Amino acid sequence: MKNDDILQAIDEELTRLRKVRNLLSGAPVDASWSPFSQVRAAKKRFLSDDARQRIADAQRRRWAAHRAKA
Protein backbone atom coordinates (compact mmCIF):
# COMPACT_ATOMS: atom_id res chain seq x y z
CA MET A 1 0.00 0.00 0.00
CA LYS A 2 1.41 3.39 -0.96
CA ASN A 3 1.87 6.18 1.55
CA ASP A 4 -0.64 8.36 -0.29
CA ASP A 5 -3.26 5.62 -0.04
CA ILE A 6 -2.61 5.20 3.68
CA LEU A 7 -2.84 8.94 4.31
CA GLN A 8 -6.06 9.17 2.32
CA ALA A 9 -7.57 6.29 4.29
CA ILE A 10 -6.59 7.96 7.57
CA ASP A 11 -8.13 11.26 6.46
CA GLU A 12 -11.36 9.51 5.47
CA GLU A 13 -11.50 7.73 8.82
CA LEU A 14 -10.90 10.98 10.72
CA THR A 15 -13.68 12.69 8.79
CA ARG A 16 -16.04 9.82 9.52
CA LEU A 17 -15.15 9.85 13.22
CA ARG A 18 -15.67 13.63 13.46
CA LYS A 19 -19.13 13.25 11.93
CA VAL A 20 -20.03 10.43 14.30
CA ARG A 21 -18.78 12.51 17.27
CA ASN A 22 -20.93 15.44 16.16
CA LEU A 23 -23.89 13.11 15.78
CA LEU A 24 -23.45 11.74 19.30
CA SER A 25 -22.89 15.16 20.87
CA GLY A 26 -26.07 16.57 19.34
CA ALA A 27 -24.34 19.00 17.00
CA PRO A 28 -26.04 19.60 13.65
CA VAL A 29 -25.08 17.01 11.08
CA ASP A 30 -25.56 16.98 7.33
CA ALA A 31 -28.84 15.08 6.76
CA SER A 32 -27.47 13.26 3.71
CA TRP A 33 -24.68 11.68 5.75
CA SER A 34 -25.01 8.29 7.40
CA PRO A 35 -22.26 6.35 9.20
CA PHE A 36 -23.42 3.23 7.37
CA SER A 37 -22.97 4.78 3.92
CA GLN A 38 -19.23 4.97 4.52
CA VAL A 39 -18.71 1.20 4.56
CA ARG A 40 -16.71 0.14 1.55
CA ALA A 41 -16.83 -3.24 -0.12
CA ALA A 42 -13.75 -5.38 0.34
CA LYS A 43 -11.32 -5.45 -2.54
CA LYS A 44 -11.65 -8.52 -4.70
CA ARG A 45 -8.82 -10.98 -4.37
CA PHE A 46 -7.39 -12.63 -7.46
CA LEU A 47 -5.97 -16.14 -7.43
CA SER A 48 -3.23 -17.39 -9.67
CA ASP A 49 -4.05 -20.25 -12.03
CA ASP A 50 -1.84 -22.55 -9.95
CA ALA A 51 -3.65 -21.69 -6.72
CA ARG A 52 -7.04 -22.13 -8.39
CA GLN A 53 -5.95 -25.57 -9.67
CA ARG A 54 -4.72 -26.65 -6.21
CA ILE A 55 -8.04 -25.61 -4.65
CA ALA A 56 -9.99 -27.50 -7.33
CA ASP A 57 -7.87 -30.62 -6.85
CA ALA A 58 -8.35 -30.51 -3.08
CA GLN A 59 -12.12 -30.17 -3.51
CA ARG A 60 -12.16 -33.14 -5.90
CA ARG A 61 -10.28 -35.22 -3.31
CA ARG A 62 -12.79 -34.21 -0.61
CA TRP A 63 -15.73 -35.19 -2.80
CA ALA A 64 -14.07 -38.47 -3.74
CA ALA A 65 -13.57 -39.28 -0.06
CA HIS A 66 -17.19 -38.37 0.65
CA ARG A 67 -18.44 -40.62 -2.18
CA ALA A 68 -16.21 -43.49 -0.99
CA LYS A 69 -17.87 -43.38 2.46
CA ALA A 70 -21.41 -43.50 0.99
C-alpha atoms as a PDB file:
ATOM      1  CA  MET A   1       0.000   0.000   0.000  1.00  0.00           C
ATOM      2  CA  LYS A   2       1.409   3.389  -0.961  1.00  0.00           C
ATOM      3  CA  ASN A   3       1.869   6.179   1.554  1.00  0.00           C
ATOM      4  CA  ASP A   4      -0.644   8.357  -0.292  1.00  0.00           C
ATOM      5  CA  ASP A   5      -3.264   5.619  -0.040  1.00  0.00           C
ATOM      6  CA  ILE A   6      -2.607   5.204   3.677  1.00  0.00           C
ATOM      7  CA  LEU A   7      -2.843   8.941   4.310  1.00  0.00           C
ATOM      8  CA  GLN A   8      -6.058   9.169   2.321  1.00  0.00           C
ATOM      9  CA  ALA A   9      -7.575   6.286   4.293  1.00  0.00           C
ATOM     10  CA  ILE A  10      -6.586   7.960   7.570  1.00  0.00           C
ATOM     11  CA  ASP A  11      -8.132  11.263   6.461  1.00  0.00           C
ATOM     12  CA  GLU A  12     -11.361   9.506   5.472  1.00  0.00           C
ATOM     13  CA  GLU A  13     -11.502   7.732   8.820  1.00  0.00           C
ATOM     14  CA  LEU A  14     -10.895  10.981  10.715  1.00  0.00           C
ATOM     15  CA  THR A  15     -13.682  12.691   8.788  1.00  0.00           C
ATOM     16  CA  ARG A  16     -16.038   9.819   9.515  1.00  0.00           C
ATOM     17  CA  LEU A  17     -15.149   9.854  13.224  1.00  0.00           C
ATOM     18  CA  ARG A  18     -15.673  13.626  13.459  1.00  0.00           C
ATOM     19  CA  LYS A  19     -19.132  13.254  11.926  1.00  0.00           C
ATOM     20  CA  VAL A  20     -20.032  10.426  14.304  1.00  0.00           C
ATOM     21  CA  ARG A  21     -18.778  12.506  17.265  1.00  0.00           C
ATOM     22  CA  ASN A  22     -20.934  15.436  16.162  1.00  0.00           C
ATOM     23  CA  LEU A  23     -23.893  13.115  15.776  1.00  0.00           C
ATOM     24  CA  LEU A  24     -23.449  11.739  19.297  1.00  0.00           C
ATOM     25  CA  SER A  25     -22.888  15.158  20.871  1.00  0.00           C
ATOM     26  CA  GLY A  26     -26.068  16.565  19.340  1.00  0.00           C
ATOM     27  CA  ALA A  27     -24.338  18.998  17.001  1.00  0.00           C
ATOM     28  CA  PRO A  28     -26.041  19.602  13.651  1.00  0.00           C
ATOM     29  CA  VAL A  29     -25.079  17.005  11.078  1.00  0.00           C
ATOM     30  CA  ASP A  30     -25.561  16.977   7.328  1.00  0.00           C
ATOM     31  CA  ALA A  31     -28.842  15.083   6.756  1.00  0.00           C
ATOM     32  CA  SER A  32     -27.474  13.256   3.707  1.00  0.00           C
ATOM     33  CA  TRP A  33     -24.683  11.685   5.747  1.00  0.00           C
ATOM     34  CA  SER A  34     -25.014   8.291   7.403  1.00  0.00           C
ATOM     35  CA  PRO A  35     -22.259   6.353   9.195  1.00  0.00           C
ATOM     36  CA  PHE A  36     -23.422   3.229   7.369  1.00  0.00           C
ATOM     37  CA  SER A  37     -22.974   4.777   3.922  1.00  0.00           C
ATOM     38  CA  GLN A  38     -19.232   4.974   4.517  1.00  0.00           C
ATOM     39  CA  VAL A  39     -18.709   1.204   4.564  1.00  0.00           C
ATOM     40  CA  ARG A  40     -16.710   0.139   1.548  1.00  0.00           C
ATOM     41  CA  ALA A  41     -16.828  -3.238  -0.117  1.00  0.00           C
ATOM     42  CA  ALA A  42     -13.751  -5.380   0.343  1.00  0.00           C
ATOM     43  CA  LYS A  43     -11.325  -5.450  -2.544  1.00  0.00           C
ATOM     44  CA  LYS A  44     -11.648  -8.520  -4.702  1.00  0.00           C
ATOM     45  CA  ARG A  45      -8.817 -10.983  -4.374  1.00  0.00           C
ATOM     46  CA  PHE A  46      -7.385 -12.626  -7.458  1.00  0.00           C
ATOM     47  CA  LEU A  47      -5.969 -16.139  -7.433  1.00  0.00           C
ATOM     48  CA  SER A  48      -3.234 -17.393  -9.669  1.00  0.00           C
ATOM     49  CA  ASP A  49      -4.051 -20.253 -12.032  1.00  0.00           C
ATOM     50  CA  ASP A  50      -1.835 -22.553  -9.952  1.00  0.00           C
ATOM     51  CA  ALA A  51      -3.646 -21.687  -6.722  1.00  0.00           C
ATOM     52  CA  ARG A  52      -7.042 -22.135  -8.387  1.00  0.00           C
ATOM     53  CA  GLN A  53      -5.952 -25.566  -9.669  1.00  0.00           C
ATOM     54  CA  ARG A  54      -4.724 -26.654  -6.205  1.00  0.00           C
ATOM     55  CA  ILE A  55      -8.041 -25.613  -4.649  1.00  0.00           C
ATOM     56  CA  ALA A  56      -9.985 -27.502  -7.330  1.00  0.00           C
ATOM     57  CA  ASP A  57      -7.866 -30.625  -6.850  1.00  0.00           C
ATOM     58  CA  ALA A  58      -8.348 -30.505  -3.077  1.00  0.00           C
ATOM     59  CA  GLN A  59     -12.120 -30.174  -3.514  1.00  0.00           C
ATOM     60  CA  ARG A  60     -12.163 -33.136  -5.897  1.00  0.00           C
ATOM     61  CA  ARG A  61     -10.277 -35.220  -3.306  1.00  0.00           C
ATOM     62  CA  ARG A  62     -12.788 -34.210  -0.612  1.00  0.00           C
ATOM     63  CA  TRP A  63     -15.732 -35.190  -2.800  1.00  0.00           C
ATOM     64  CA  ALA A  64     -14.067 -38.475  -3.743  1.00  0.00           C
ATOM     65  CA  ALA A  65     -13.569 -39.281  -0.058  1.00  0.00           C
ATOM     66  CA  HIS A  66     -17.188 -38.374   0.654  1.00  0.00           C
ATOM     67  CA  ARG A  67     -18.441 -40.623  -2.184  1.00  0.00           C
ATOM     68  CA  ALA A  68     -16.214 -43.489  -0.993  1.00  0.00           C
ATOM     69  CA  LYS A  69     -17.872 -43.383   2.465  1.00  0.00           C
ATOM     70  CA  ALA A  70     -21.408 -43.503   0.993  1.00  0.00           C
END
